[in-house]
Amino acid sequence: MEVKSLNSKAEFVEIKRFGKKSSFDLVTITTLNKTKNDFRIGFQISKKTGKAVFRNKIRRQLRHLFSEVFSNFLNDSENNGLWVLIYINPKIEKFDFSKYKSFLEKKFDL
């Protein structure tokens, strides 16, 4: 299964309205179960967070983290699709990769 991006405003509104939220430190993750073979991920990072280089670095690290953690989920054809929205609080100063990875593994029982 391929990881796609949440693109339209309607997709962001749908996941905000009907999704389940989980917060950890300065990152809030909203998930919504969808149809089969539909895994999408979206990011909300304010310009208050920092310059574009810093925001893109966090986005790349989180995308890599999700692909690493959800690799088994993506390879299993029996799983339903999942939409994930990640909101990063502007107060974040650095990203601790191992801390968030352990949180995701506990949260999603992977």
PDB file of N, CA and C in Angstrom:
ATOM      1  N   MET A   1       0.849  -1.181   0.000  1.00  0.00           N
ATOM      2  CA  MET A   1       0.000   0.000   0.000  1.00  0.00           C
ATOM      3  C   MET A   1       0.888   1.235   0.000  1.00  0.00           C
ATOM      4  N   GLU A   2       0.458   2.229  -0.694  1.00  0.00           N
ATOM      5  CA  GLU A   2       1.220   3.457  -0.858  1.00  0.00           C
ATOM      6  C   GLU A   2       0.756   4.511   0.145  1.00  0.00           C
ATOM      7  N   VAL A   3       1.696   5.296   0.652  1.00  0.00           N
ATOM      8  CA  VAL A   3       1.366   6.389   1.557  1.00  0.00           C
ATOM      9  C   VAL A   3       1.140   7.635   0.719  1.00  0.00           C
ATOM     10  N   LYS A   4      -0.055   8.198   0.834  1.00  0.00           N
ATOM     11  CA  LYS A   4      -0.399   9.403   0.091  1.00  0.00           C
ATOM     12  C   LYS A   4      -0.549  10.559   1.072  1.00  0.00           C
ATOM     13  N   SER A   5      -0.673  11.746   0.550  1.00  0.00           N
ATOM     14  CA  SER A   5      -0.839  12.936   1.384  1.00  0.00           C
ATOM     15  C   SER A   5      -2.298  13.357   1.424  1.00  0.00           C
ATOM     16  N   LEU A   6      -2.683  13.935   2.552  1.00  0.00           N
ATOM     17  CA  LEU A   6      -3.983  14.594   2.619  1.00  0.00           C
ATOM     18  C   LEU A   6      -3.835  15.885   1.840  1.00  0.00           C
ATOM     19  N   ASN A   7      -4.691  16.117   0.851  1.00  0.00           N
ATOM     20  CA  ASN A   7      -4.505  17.262  -0.034  1.00  0.00           C
ATOM     21  C   ASN A   7      -5.556  18.347   0.129  1.00  0.00           C
ATOM     22  N   SER A   8      -6.801  17.965   0.067  1.00  0.00           N
ATOM     23  CA  SER A   8      -7.848  18.976   0.015  1.00  0.00           C
ATOM     24  C   SER A   8      -8.269  19.445   1.403  1.00  0.00           C
ATOM     25  N   LYS A   9      -8.857  20.607   1.433  1.00  0.00           N
ATOM     26  CA  LYS A   9      -9.358  21.160   2.681  1.00  0.00           C
ATOM     27  C   LYS A   9     -10.456  20.266   3.247  1.00  0.00           C
ATOM     28  N   ALA A  10     -11.262  19.668   2.380  1.00  0.00           N
ATOM     29  CA  ALA A  10     -12.347  18.788   2.817  1.00  0.00           C
ATOM     30  C   ALA A  10     -11.806  17.576   3.575  1.00  0.00           C
ATOM     31  N   GLU A  11     -10.668  17.038   3.141  1.00  0.00           N
ATOM     32  CA  GLU A  11     -10.060  15.898   3.837  1.00  0.00           C
ATOM     33  C   GLU A  11      -9.592  16.310   5.229  1.00  0.00           C
ATOM     34  N   PHE A  12      -8.982  17.483   5.349  1.00  0.00           N
ATOM     35  CA  PHE A  12      -8.536  17.970   6.651  1.00  0.00           C
ATOM     36  C   PHE A  12      -9.723  18.221   7.574  1.00  0.00           C
ATOM     37  N   VAL A  13     -10.793  18.783   7.039  1.00  0.00           N
ATOM     38  CA  VAL A  13     -11.990  19.048   7.847  1.00  0.00           C
ATOM     39  C   VAL A  13     -12.619  17.741   8.312  1.00  0.00           C
ATOM     40  N   GLU A  14     -12.695  16.751   7.426  1.00  0.00           N
ATOM     41  CA  GLU A  14     -13.281  15.458   7.782  1.00  0.00           C
ATOM     42  C   GLU A  14     -12.508  14.777   8.902  1.00  0.00           C
ATOM     43  N   ILE A  15     -11.191  14.768   8.812  1.00  0.00           N
ATOM     44  CA  ILE A  15     -10.397  14.097   9.841  1.00  0.00           C
ATOM     45  C   ILE A  15     -10.449  14.867  11.161  1.00  0.00           C
ATOM     46  N   LYS A  16     -10.531  16.192  11.098  1.00  0.00           N
ATOM     47  CA  LYS A  16     -10.660  16.970  12.331  1.00  0.00           C
ATOM     48  C   LYS A  16     -12.008  16.731  12.998  1.00  0.00           C
ATOM     49  N   ARG A  17     -13.045  16.602  12.202  1.00  0.00           N
ATOM     50  CA  ARG A  17     -14.393  16.451  12.738  1.00  0.00           C
ATOM     51  C   ARG A  17     -14.662  15.050  13.284  1.00  0.00           C
ATOM     52  N   PHE A  18     -14.252  14.020  12.560  1.00  0.00           N
ATOM     53  CA  PHE A  18     -14.622  12.658  12.915  1.00  0.00           C
ATOM     54  C   PHE A  18     -13.480  11.814  13.486  1.00  0.00           C
ATOM     55  N   GLY A  19     -12.260  12.339  13.496  1.00  0.00           N
ATOM     56  CA  GLY A  19     -11.107  11.555  13.933  1.00  0.00           C
ATOM     57  C   GLY A  19     -10.946  11.498  15.443  1.00  0.00           C
ATOM     58  N   LYS A  20     -10.081  10.578  15.890  1.00  0.00           N
ATOM     59  CA  LYS A  20      -9.744  10.425  17.306  1.00  0.00           C
ATOM     60  C   LYS A  20      -8.384  11.067  17.554  1.00  0.00           C
ATOM     61  N   LYS A  21      -8.324  11.917  18.597  1.00  0.00           N
ATOM     62  CA  LYS A  21      -7.093  12.643  18.900  1.00  0.00           C
ATOM     63  C   LYS A  21      -6.297  11.965  19.999  1.00  0.00           C
ATOM     64  N   SER A  22      -4.979  12.040  19.865  1.00  0.00           N
ATOM     65  CA  SER A  22      -4.048  11.620  20.907  1.00  0.00           C
ATOM     66  C   SER A  22      -2.921  12.635  20.927  1.00  0.00           C
ATOM     67  N   SER A  23      -2.615  13.108  22.112  1.00  0.00           N
ATOM     68  CA  SER A  23      -1.554  14.102  22.246  1.00  0.00           C
ATOM     69  C   SER A  23      -0.372  13.511  22.984  1.00  0.00           C
ATOM     70  N   PHE A  24       0.804  13.917  22.561  1.00  0.00           N
ATOM     71  CA  PHE A  24       2.032  13.516  23.226  1.00  0.00           C
ATOM     72  C   PHE A  24       3.013  14.654  23.087  1.00  0.00           C
ATOM     73  N   ASP A  25       3.410  15.196  24.218  1.00  0.00           N
ATOM     74  CA  ASP A  25       4.354  16.311  24.247  1.00  0.00           C
ATOM     75  C   ASP A  25       3.805  17.466  23.414  1.00  0.00           C
ATOM     76  N   LEU A  26       4.442  17.845  22.357  1.00  0.00           N
ATOM     77  CA  LEU A  26       3.999  18.976  21.551  1.00  0.00           C
ATOM     78  C   LEU A  26       3.451  18.552  20.188  1.00  0.00           C
ATOM     79  N   VAL A  27       3.055  17.290  20.069  1.00  0.00           N
ATOM     80  CA  VAL A  27       2.515  16.768  18.822  1.00  0.00           C
ATOM     81  C   VAL A  27       1.146  16.151  19.105  1.00  0.00           C
ATOM     82  N   THR A  28       0.151  16.519  18.286  1.00  0.00           N
ATOM     83  CA  THR A  28      -1.179  15.935  18.395  1.00  0.00           C
ATOM     84  C   THR A  28      -1.433  15.122  17.138  1.00  0.00           C
ATOM     85  N   ILE A  29      -1.843  13.879  17.317  1.00  0.00           N
ATOM     86  CA  ILE A  29      -2.102  12.982  16.198  1.00  0.00           C
ATOM     87  C   ILE A  29      -3.589  12.670  16.169  1.00  0.00           C
ATOM     88  N   THR A  30      -4.220  12.906  15.024  1.00  0.00           N
ATOM     89  CA  THR A  30      -5.628  12.596  14.829  1.00  0.00           C
ATOM     90  C   THR A  30      -5.714  11.496  13.784  1.00  0.00           C
ATOM     91  N   THR A  31      -6.435  10.425  14.097  1.00  0.00           N
ATOM     92  CA  THR A  31      -6.551   9.298  13.176  1.00  0.00           C
ATOM     93  C   THR A  31      -8.014   9.058  12.822  1.00  0.00           C
ATOM     94  N   LEU A  32      -8.239   8.549  11.620  1.00  0.00           N
ATOM     95  CA  LEU A  32      -9.572   8.248  11.135  1.00  0.00           C
ATOM     96  C   LEU A  32      -9.483   6.998  10.273  1.00  0.00           C
ATOM     97  N   ASN A  33     -10.264   5.970  10.616  1.00  0.00           N
ATOM     98  CA  ASN A  33     -10.294   4.740   9.819  1.00  0.00           C
ATOM     99  C   ASN A  33     -11.088   4.983   8.542  1.00  0.00           C
ATOM    100  N   LYS A  34     -10.536   4.524   7.430  1.00  0.00           N
ATOM    101  CA  LYS A  34     -11.162   4.730   6.128  1.00  0.00           C
ATOM    102  C   LYS A  34     -11.261   3.407   5.380  1.00  0.00           C
ATOM    103  N   THR A  35     -11.576   3.491   4.073  1.00  0.00           N
ATOM    104  CA  THR A  35     -11.738   2.305   3.251  1.00  0.00           C
ATOM    105  C   THR A  35     -10.401   1.588   3.051  1.00  0.00           C
ATOM    106  N   LYS A  36     -10.465   0.400   2.508  1.00  0.00           N
ATOM    107  CA  LYS A  36      -9.250  -0.400   2.311  1.00  0.00           C
ATOM    108  C   LYS A  36      -8.257   0.302   1.390  1.00  0.00           C
ATOM    109  N   ASN A  37      -6.988   0.043   1.671  1.00  0.00           N
ATOM    110  CA  ASN A  37      -5.868   0.535   0.848  1.00  0.00           C
ATOM    111  C   ASN A  37      -5.865   2.051   0.676  1.00  0.00           C
ATOM    112  N   ASP A  38      -6.213   2.754   1.712  1.00  0.00           N
ATOM    113  CA  ASP A  38      -6.196   4.212   1.647  1.00  0.00           C
ATOM    114  C   ASP A  38      -5.484   4.742   2.885  1.00  0.00           C
ATOM    115  N   PHE A  39      -4.145   4.821   2.828  1.00  0.00           N
ATOM    116  CA  PHE A  39      -3.354   5.343   3.939  1.00  0.00           C
ATOM    117  C   PHE A  39      -2.850   6.714   3.534  1.00  0.00           C
ATOM    118  N   ARG A  40      -3.293   7.732   4.269  1.00  0.00           N
ATOM    119  CA  ARG A  40      -2.893   9.103   3.961  1.00  0.00           C
ATOM    120  C   ARG A  40      -2.379   9.776   5.218  1.00  0.00           C
ATOM    121  N   ILE A  41      -1.461  10.708   5.018  1.00  0.00           N
ATOM    122  CA  ILE A  41      -0.869  11.434   6.135  1.00  0.00           C
ATOM    123  C   ILE A  41      -0.818  12.921   5.781  1.00  0.00           C
ATOM    124  N   GLY A  42      -1.136  13.749   6.763  1.00  0.00           N
ATOM    125  CA  GLY A  42      -1.115  15.192   6.557  1.00  0.00           C
ATOM    126  C   GLY A  42      -0.460  15.881   7.741  1.00  0.00           C
ATOM    127  N   PHE A  43       0.081  17.062   7.507  1.00  0.00           N
ATOM    128  CA  PHE A  43       0.782  17.813   8.550  1.00  0.00           C
ATOM    129  C   PHE A  43       0.202  19.216   8.658  1.00  0.00           C
ATOM    130  N   GLN A  44       0.144  19.705   9.888  1.00  0.00           N
ATOM    131  CA  GLN A  44      -0.194  21.096  10.145  1.00  0.00           C
ATOM    132  C   GLN A  44       0.924  21.675  10.983  1.00  0.00           C
ATOM    133  N   ILE A  45       1.714  22.529  10.361  1.00  0.00           N
ATOM    134  CA  ILE A  45       2.827  23.168  11.052  1.00  0.00           C
ATOM    135  C   ILE A  45       2.727  24.660  10.792  1.00  0.00           C
ATOM    136  N   SER A  46       2.548  25.428  11.845  1.00  0.00           N
ATOM    137  CA  SER A  46       2.402  26.869  11.735  1.00  0.00           C
ATOM    138  C   SER A  46       3.737  27.528  11.379  1.00  0.00           C
ATOM    139  N   LYS A  47       3.672  28.679  10.747  1.00  0.00           N
ATOM    140  CA  LYS A  47       4.886  29.445  10.455  1.00  0.00           C
ATOM    141  C   LYS A  47       5.530  29.965  11.727  1.00  0.00           C
ATOM    142  N   LYS A  48       4.766  29.993  12.827  1.00  0.00           N
ATOM    143  CA  LYS A  48       5.313  30.412  14.114  1.00  0.00           C
ATOM    144  C   LYS A  48       6.333  29.406  14.647  1.00  0.00           C
ATOM    145  N   THR A  49       6.294  28.189  14.102  1.00  0.00           N
ATOM    146  CA  THR A  49       7.201  27.135  14.540  1.00  0.00           C
ATOM    147  C   THR A  49       8.648  27.486  14.237  1.00  0.00           C
ATOM    148  N   GLY A  50       8.884  28.103  13.124  1.00  0.00           N
ATOM    149  CA  GLY A  50      10.248  28.460  12.740  1.00  0.00           C
ATOM    150  C   GLY A  50      10.335  28.679  11.250  1.00  0.00           C
ATOM    151  N   LYS A  51      11.550  28.784  10.777  1.00  0.00           N
ATOM    152  CA  LYS A  51      11.782  29.000   9.351  1.00  0.00           C
ATOM    153  C   LYS A  51      11.419  27.734   8.569  1.00  0.00           C
ATOM    154  N   ALA A  52      11.290  27.879   7.258  1.00  0.00           N
ATOM    155  CA  ALA A  52      10.848  26.791   6.399  1.00  0.00           C
ATOM    156  C   ALA A  52      11.767  25.575   6.488  1.00  0.00           C
ATOM    157  N   VAL A  53      13.054  25.802   6.611  1.00  0.00           N
ATOM    158  CA  VAL A  53      14.008  24.691   6.699  1.00  0.00           C
ATOM    159  C   VAL A  53      13.708  23.830   7.919  1.00  0.00           C
ATOM    160  N   PHE A  54      13.447  24.456   9.059  1.00  0.00           N
ATOM    161  CA  PHE A  54      13.142  23.728  10.294  1.00  0.00           C
ATOM    162  C   PHE A  54      11.813  22.989  10.180  1.00  0.00           C
ATOM    163  N   ARG A  55      10.790  23.654   9.627  1.00  0.00           N
ATOM    164  CA  ARG A  55       9.474  23.010   9.484  1.00  0.00           C
ATOM    165  C   ARG A  55       9.557  21.806   8.550  1.00  0.00           C
ATOM    166  N   ASN A  56      10.265  21.949   7.452  1.00  0.00           N
ATOM    167  CA  ASN A  56      10.400  20.843   6.507  1.00  0.00           C
ATOM    168  C   ASN A  56      11.207  19.695   7.094  1.00  0.00           C
ATOM    169  N   LYS A  57      12.198  20.004   7.912  1.00  0.00           N
ATOM    170  CA  LYS A  57      12.994  18.965   8.559  1.00  0.00           C
ATOM    171  C   LYS A  57      12.110  18.132   9.492  1.00  0.00           C
ATOM    172  N   ILE A  58      11.282  18.793  10.289  1.00  0.00           N
ATOM    173  CA  ILE A  58      10.369  18.068  11.177  1.00  0.00           C
ATOM    174  C   ILE A  58       9.394  17.235  10.358  1.00  0.00           C
ATOM    175  N   ARG A  59       8.877  17.799   9.282  1.00  0.00           N
ATOM    176  CA  ARG A  59       7.935  17.077   8.423  1.00  0.00           C
ATOM    177  C   ARG A  59       8.585  15.828   7.834  1.00  0.00           C
ATOM    178  N   ARG A  60       9.821  15.948   7.351  1.00  0.00           N
ATOM    179  CA  ARG A  60      10.537  14.788   6.785  1.00  0.00           C
ATOM    180  C   ARG A  60      10.776  13.724   7.842  1.00  0.00           C
ATOM    181  N   GLN A  61      11.183  14.152   9.048  1.00  0.00           N
ATOM    182  CA  GLN A  61      11.449  13.190  10.118  1.00  0.00           C
ATOM    183  C   GLN A  61      10.180  12.452  10.525  1.00  0.00           C
ATOM    184  N   LEU A  62       9.080  13.165  10.631  1.00  0.00           N
ATOM    185  CA  LEU A  62       7.821  12.514  11.000  1.00  0.00           C
ATOM    186  C   LEU A  62       7.328  11.577   9.902  1.00  0.00           C
ATOM    187  N   ARG A  63       7.470  11.979   8.649  1.00  0.00           N
ATOM    188  CA  ARG A  63       7.053  11.104   7.544  1.00  0.00           C
ATOM    189  C   ARG A  63       7.874   9.816   7.561  1.00  0.00           C
ATOM    190  N   HIS A  64       9.176   9.923   7.795  1.00  0.00           N
ATOM    191  CA  HIS A  64      10.034   8.746   7.886  1.00  0.00           C
ATOM    192  C   HIS A  64       9.646   7.874   9.077  1.00  0.00           C
ATOM    193  N   LEU A  65       9.380   8.506  10.207  1.00  0.00           N
ATOM    194  CA  LEU A  65       8.984   7.786  11.411  1.00  0.00           C
ATOM    195  C   LEU A  65       7.702   7.007  11.179  1.00  0.00           C
ATOM    196  N   PHE A  66       6.707   7.627  10.561  1.00  0.00           N
ATOM    197  CA  PHE A  66       5.449   6.935  10.298  1.00  0.00           C
ATOM    198  C   PHE A  66       5.635   5.795   9.315  1.00  0.00           C
ATOM    199  N   SER A  67       6.438   5.983   8.288  1.00  0.00           N
ATOM    200  CA  SER A  67       6.655   4.892   7.334  1.00  0.00           C
ATOM    201  C   SER A  67       7.384   3.727   7.991  1.00  0.00           C
ATOM    202  N   GLU A  68       8.283   4.027   8.926  1.00  0.00           N
ATOM    203  CA  GLU A  68       9.005   2.975   9.641  1.00  0.00           C
ATOM    204  C   GLU A  68       8.085   2.224  10.600  1.00  0.00           C
ATOM    205  N   VAL A  69       7.280   2.958  11.356  1.00  0.00           N
ATOM    206  CA  VAL A  69       6.412   2.344  12.360  1.00  0.00           C
ATOM    207  C   VAL A  69       5.252   1.591  11.699  1.00  0.00           C
ATOM    208  N   PHE A  70       4.707   2.135  10.623  1.00  0.00           N
ATOM    209  CA  PHE A  70       3.545   1.530   9.989  1.00  0.00           C
ATOM    210  C   PHE A  70       3.897   0.604   8.828  1.00  0.00           C
ATOM    211  N   SER A  71       5.151   0.209   8.676  1.00  0.00           N
ATOM    212  CA  SER A  71       5.526  -0.644   7.551  1.00  0.00           C
ATOM    213  C   SER A  71       4.780  -1.978   7.580  1.00  0.00           C
ATOM    214  N   ASN A  72       4.634  -2.587   8.761  1.00  0.00           N
ATOM    215  CA  ASN A  72       3.878  -3.843   8.855  1.00  0.00           C
ATOM    216  C   ASN A  72       2.404  -3.616   8.565  1.00  0.00           C
ATOM    217  N   PHE A  73       1.863  -2.497   9.048  1.00  0.00           N
ATOM    218  CA  PHE A  73       0.465  -2.166   8.804  1.00  0.00           C
ATOM    219  C   PHE A  73       0.208  -1.994   7.307  1.00  0.00           C
ATOM    220  N   LEU A  74       1.129  -1.336   6.630  1.00  0.00           N
ATOM    221  CA  LEU A  74       0.952  -1.074   5.203  1.00  0.00           C
ATOM    222  C   LEU A  74       1.071  -2.337   4.358  1.00  0.00           C
ATOM    223  N   ASN A  75       1.900  -3.277   4.786  1.00  0.00           N
ATOM    224  CA  ASN A  75       2.117  -4.491   4.003  1.00  0.00           C
ATOM    225  C   ASN A  75       1.004  -5.509   4.168  1.00  0.00           C
ATOM    226  N   ASP A  76       0.212  -5.411   5.235  1.00  0.00           N
ATOM    227  CA  ASP A  76      -0.876  -6.354   5.474  1.00  0.00           C
ATOM    228  C   ASP A  76      -2.102  -5.900   4.681  1.00  0.00           C
ATOM    229  N   SER A  77      -2.502  -6.698   3.690  1.00  0.00           N
ATOM    230  CA  SER A  77      -3.591  -6.291   2.795  1.00  0.00           C
ATOM    231  C   SER A  77      -4.962  -6.353   3.474  1.00  0.00           C
ATOM    232  N   GLU A  78      -5.057  -7.010   4.631  1.00  0.00           N
ATOM    233  CA  GLU A  78      -6.350  -7.131   5.300  1.00  0.00           C
ATOM    234  C   GLU A  78      -6.707  -5.898   6.120  1.00  0.00           C
ATOM    235  N   ASN A  79      -5.743  -5.029   6.376  1.00  0.00           N
ATOM    236  CA  ASN A  79      -6.012  -3.837   7.176  1.00  0.00           C
ATOM    237  C   ASN A  79      -6.831  -2.824   6.388  1.00  0.00           C
ATOM    238  N   ASN A  80      -7.678  -2.123   7.110  1.00  0.00           N
ATOM    239  CA  ASN A  80      -8.409  -1.025   6.504  1.00  0.00           C
ATOM    240  C   ASN A  80      -7.482   0.162   6.349  1.00  0.00           C
ATOM    241  N   GLY A  81      -7.916   1.141   5.615  1.00  0.00           N
ATOM    242  CA  GLY A  81      -7.123   2.344   5.434  1.00  0.00           C
ATOM    243  C   GLY A  81      -7.130   3.201   6.685  1.00  0.00           C
ATOM    244  N   LEU A  82      -6.223   4.129   6.725  1.00  0.00           N
ATOM    245  CA  LEU A  82      -6.084   5.005   7.880  1.00  0.00           C
ATOM    246  C   LEU A  82      -5.632   6.375   7.396  1.00  0.00           C
ATOM    247  N   TRP A  83      -6.310   7.410   7.881  1.00  0.00           N
ATOM    248  CA  TRP A  83      -5.884   8.777   7.625  1.00  0.00           C
ATOM    249  C   TRP A  83      -5.292   9.313   8.904  1.00  0.00           C
ATOM    250  N   VAL A  84      -4.153   9.971   8.803  1.00  0.00           N
ATOM    251  CA  VAL A  84      -3.448  10.499   9.968  1.00  0.00           C
ATOM    252  C   VAL A  84      -3.164  11.982   9.739  1.00  0.00           C
ATOM    253  N   LEU A  85      -3.551  12.801  10.720  1.00  0.00           N
ATOM    254  CA  LEU A  85      -3.250  14.231  10.693  1.00  0.00           C
ATOM    255  C   LEU A  85      -2.353  14.532  11.875  1.00  0.00           C
ATOM    256  N   ILE A  86      -1.213  15.167  11.609  1.00  0.00           N
ATOM    257  CA  ILE A  86      -0.245  15.483  12.657  1.00  0.00           C
ATOM    258  C   ILE A  86      -0.170  16.988  12.798  1.00  0.00           C
ATOM    259  N   TYR A  87      -0.483  17.462  14.004  1.00  0.00           N
ATOM    260  CA  TYR A  87      -0.396  18.882  14.311  1.00  0.00           C
ATOM    261  C   TYR A  87       0.817  19.096  15.201  1.00  0.00           C
ATOM    262  N   ILE A  88       1.713  19.974  14.797  1.00  0.00           N
ATOM    263  CA  ILE A  88       2.915  20.278  15.570  1.00  0.00           C
ATOM    264  C   ILE A  88       2.725  21.634  16.237  1.00  0.00           C
ATOM    265  N   ASN A  89       2.851  21.651  17.559  1.00  0.00           N
ATOM    266  CA  ASN A  89       2.726  22.882  18.329  1.00  0.00           C
ATOM    267  C   ASN A  89       3.892  23.811  18.000  1.00  0.00           C
ATOM    268  N   PRO A  90       3.639  25.104  17.844  1.00  0.00           N
ATOM    269  CA  PRO A  90       4.720  26.045  17.508  1.00  0.00           C
ATOM    270  C   PRO A  90       5.821  26.136  18.565  1.00  0.00           C
ATOM    271  N   LYS A  91       5.583  25.650  19.767  1.00  0.00           N
ATOM    272  CA  LYS A  91       6.585  25.748  20.827  1.00  0.00           C
ATOM    273  C   LYS A  91       7.674  24.681  20.724  1.00  0.00           C
ATOM    274  N   ILE A  92       7.543  23.780  19.757  1.00  0.00           N
ATOM    275  CA  ILE A  92       8.534  22.709  19.626  1.00  0.00           C
ATOM    276  C   ILE A  92       9.872  23.321  19.189  1.00  0.00           C
ATOM    277  N   GLU A  93      10.941  22.922  19.855  1.00  0.00           N
ATOM    278  CA  GLU A  93      12.263  23.461  19.523  1.00  0.00           C
ATOM    279  C   GLU A  93      13.155  22.417  18.872  1.00  0.00           C
ATOM    280  N   LYS A  94      12.992  21.163  19.277  1.00  0.00           N
ATOM    281  CA  LYS A  94      13.734  20.084  18.626  1.00  0.00           C
ATOM    282  C   LYS A  94      12.854  18.848  18.633  1.00  0.00           C
ATOM    283  N   PHE A  95      13.194  17.915  17.792  1.00  0.00           N
ATOM    284  CA  PHE A  95      12.395  16.712  17.610  1.00  0.00           C
ATOM    285  C   PHE A  95      13.188  15.517  18.106  1.00  0.00           C
ATOM    286  N   ASP A  96      12.657  14.814  19.118  1.00  0.00           N
ATOM    287  CA  ASP A  96      13.314  13.633  19.657  1.00  0.00           C
ATOM    288  C   ASP A  96      12.721  12.388  18.993  1.00  0.00           C
ATOM    289  N   PHE A  97      13.446  11.858  18.020  1.00  0.00           N
ATOM    290  CA  PHE A  97      12.982  10.761  17.177  1.00  0.00           C
ATOM    291  C   PHE A  97      12.587   9.530  17.997  1.00  0.00           C
ATOM    292  N   SER A  98      13.445   9.085  18.922  1.00  0.00           N
ATOM    293  CA  SER A  98      13.199   7.838  19.661  1.00  0.00           C
ATOM    294  C   SER A  98      12.000   7.951  20.584  1.00  0.00           C
ATOM    295  N   LYS A  99      11.800   9.118  21.174  1.00  0.00           N
ATOM    296  CA  LYS A  99      10.684   9.317  22.094  1.00  0.00           C
ATOM    297  C   LYS A  99       9.352   9.192  21.364  1.00  0.00           C
ATOM    298  N   TYR A 100       9.237   9.795  20.182  1.00  0.00           N
ATOM    299  CA  TYR A 100       7.996   9.730  19.427  1.00  0.00           C
ATOM    300  C   TYR A 100       7.776   8.344  18.817  1.00  0.00           C
ATOM    301  N   LYS A 101       8.850   7.668  18.461  1.00  0.00           N
ATOM    302  CA  LYS A 101       8.715   6.326  17.907  1.00  0.00           C
ATOM    303  C   LYS A 101       8.138   5.377  18.954  1.00  0.00           C
ATOM    304  N   SER A 102       8.634   5.449  20.179  1.00  0.00           N
ATOM    305  CA  SER A 102       8.102   4.578  21.234  1.00  0.00           C
ATOM    306  C   SER A 102       6.643   4.918  21.538  1.00  0.00           C
ATOM    307  N   PHE A 103       6.286   6.208  21.477  1.00  0.00           N
ATOM    308  CA  PHE A 103       4.886   6.598  21.690  1.00  0.00           C
ATOM    309  C   PHE A 103       3.991   5.994  20.619  1.00  0.00           C
ATOM    310  N   LEU A 104       4.407   6.074  19.343  1.00  0.00           N
ATOM    311  CA  LEU A 104       3.587   5.545  18.249  1.00  0.00           C
ATOM    312  C   LEU A 104       3.439   4.029  18.353  1.00  0.00           C
ATOM    313  N   GLU A 105       4.508   3.338  18.726  1.00  0.00           N
ATOM    314  CA  GLU A 105       4.426   1.894  18.848  1.00  0.00           C
ATOM    315  C   GLU A 105       3.469   1.480  19.964  1.00  0.00           C
ATOM    316  N   LYS A 106       3.459   2.216  21.067  1.00  0.00           N
ATOM    317  CA  LYS A 106       2.529   1.928  22.160  1.00  0.00           C
ATOM    318  C   LYS A 106       1.102   2.284  21.763  1.00  0.00           C
ATOM    319  N   LYS A 107       0.928   3.412  21.127  1.00  0.00           N
ATOM    320  CA  LYS A 107      -0.400   3.907  20.782  1.00  0.00           C
ATOM    321  C   LYS A 107      -1.110   2.997  19.804  1.00  0.00           C
ATOM    322  N   PHE A 108      -0.392   2.514  18.800  1.00  0.00           N
ATOM    323  CA  PHE A 108      -0.995   1.722  17.752  1.00  0.00           C
ATOM    324  C   PHE A 108      -0.709   0.226  17.886  1.00  0.00           C
ATOM    325  N   ASP A 109      -0.165  -0.200  19.016  1.00  0.00           N
ATOM    326  CA  ASP A 109       0.120  -1.611  19.313  1.00  0.00           C
ATOM    327  C   ASP A 109       0.879  -2.295  18.189  1.00  0.00           C
ATOM    328  N   LEU A 110       1.981  -1.670  17.796  1.00  0.00           N
ATOM    329  CA  LEU A 110       2.793  -2.237  16.697  1.00  0.00           C
ATOM    330  C   LEU A 110       4.073  -2.834  17.230  1.00  0.00           C
TER     331      LEU A 110
END
